Amino acid sequence: MPPRPLTQARVNDLKSRKSVRNLRDGTLKGFGVRILPPGRKRFFVHSQKDGRRRRRPSR
């Protein structure tokens, strides 16, 4: 299956579950959305600098 991009319609259709889940964008490396159990959605960006991983949540 080819990677699917995160579109606004796809993010709106995501449902929450009992545990936290992360869904990554198929075209933009490091970008994704975290769906929390109460249904809240937070976007994040993972990156690397000097071999150390970083995660930047949106505000």
Protein backbone atom coordinates (compact mmCIF):
# COMPACT_ATOMS: atom_id res chain seq x y z
CA MET A 1 0.00 0.00 0.00
CA PRO A 2 1.47 3.41 -0.93
CA PRO A 3 1.96 5.93 1.88
CA ARG A 4 -1.04 8.18 2.47
CA PRO A 5 -0.66 11.85 3.27
CA LEU A 6 -2.35 13.38 6.30
CA THR A 7 -5.11 15.54 4.90
CA GLN A 8 -7.53 17.64 6.93
CA ALA A 9 -10.37 15.27 6.04
CA ARG A 10 -8.35 12.23 7.14
CA VAL A 11 -7.41 13.86 10.46
CA ASN A 12 -11.04 14.85 11.10
CA ASP A 13 -12.16 11.25 10.53
CA LEU A 14 -9.71 9.78 13.08
CA LYS A 15 -11.40 8.31 16.13
CA SER A 16 -9.92 7.95 19.60
CA ARG A 17 -9.18 4.62 21.24
CA LYS A 18 -8.42 3.50 24.79
CA SER A 19 -4.72 4.20 24.33
CA VAL A 20 -2.67 6.95 22.69
CA ARG A 21 -1.86 6.35 19.04
CA ASN A 22 0.41 8.12 16.57
CA LEU A 23 -0.29 8.38 12.87
CA ARG A 24 2.49 9.63 10.63
CA ASP A 25 2.24 11.43 7.33
CA GLY A 26 3.20 9.26 4.37
CA THR A 27 4.78 12.06 2.36
CA LEU A 28 6.26 14.53 4.87
CA LYS A 29 8.96 12.72 6.83
CA GLY A 30 8.79 13.23 10.59
CA PHE A 31 5.32 14.82 10.65
CA GLY A 32 2.34 13.19 12.34
CA VAL A 33 -0.68 13.46 14.59
CA ARG A 34 -1.15 11.97 18.07
CA ILE A 35 -4.70 10.98 19.03
CA LEU A 36 -5.30 10.98 22.79
CA PRO A 37 -7.98 8.81 24.47
CA PRO A 38 -10.37 11.74 25.17
CA GLY A 39 -10.31 12.50 21.43
CA ARG A 40 -7.88 15.41 21.43
CA LYS A 41 -5.46 15.57 18.49
CA ARG A 42 -1.96 17.02 18.63
CA PHE A 43 0.39 17.42 15.69
CA PHE A 44 4.11 16.71 16.11
CA VAL A 45 7.38 16.86 14.21
CA HIS A 46 10.24 14.44 14.87
CA SER A 47 13.70 15.54 13.83
CA GLN A 48 17.35 14.70 14.42
CA LYS A 49 20.26 16.98 15.13
CA ASP A 50 23.76 15.69 15.83
CA GLY A 51 22.37 12.16 16.03
CA ARG A 52 19.91 13.03 18.81
CA ARG A 53 16.18 12.67 18.23
CA ARG A 54 13.81 15.51 19.04
CA ARG A 55 10.06 15.73 19.13
CA ARG A 56 8.33 19.06 18.82
CA PRO A 57 4.63 19.04 19.67
CA SER A 58 2.46 21.81 18.31
CA ARG A 59 1.00 24.33 20.70
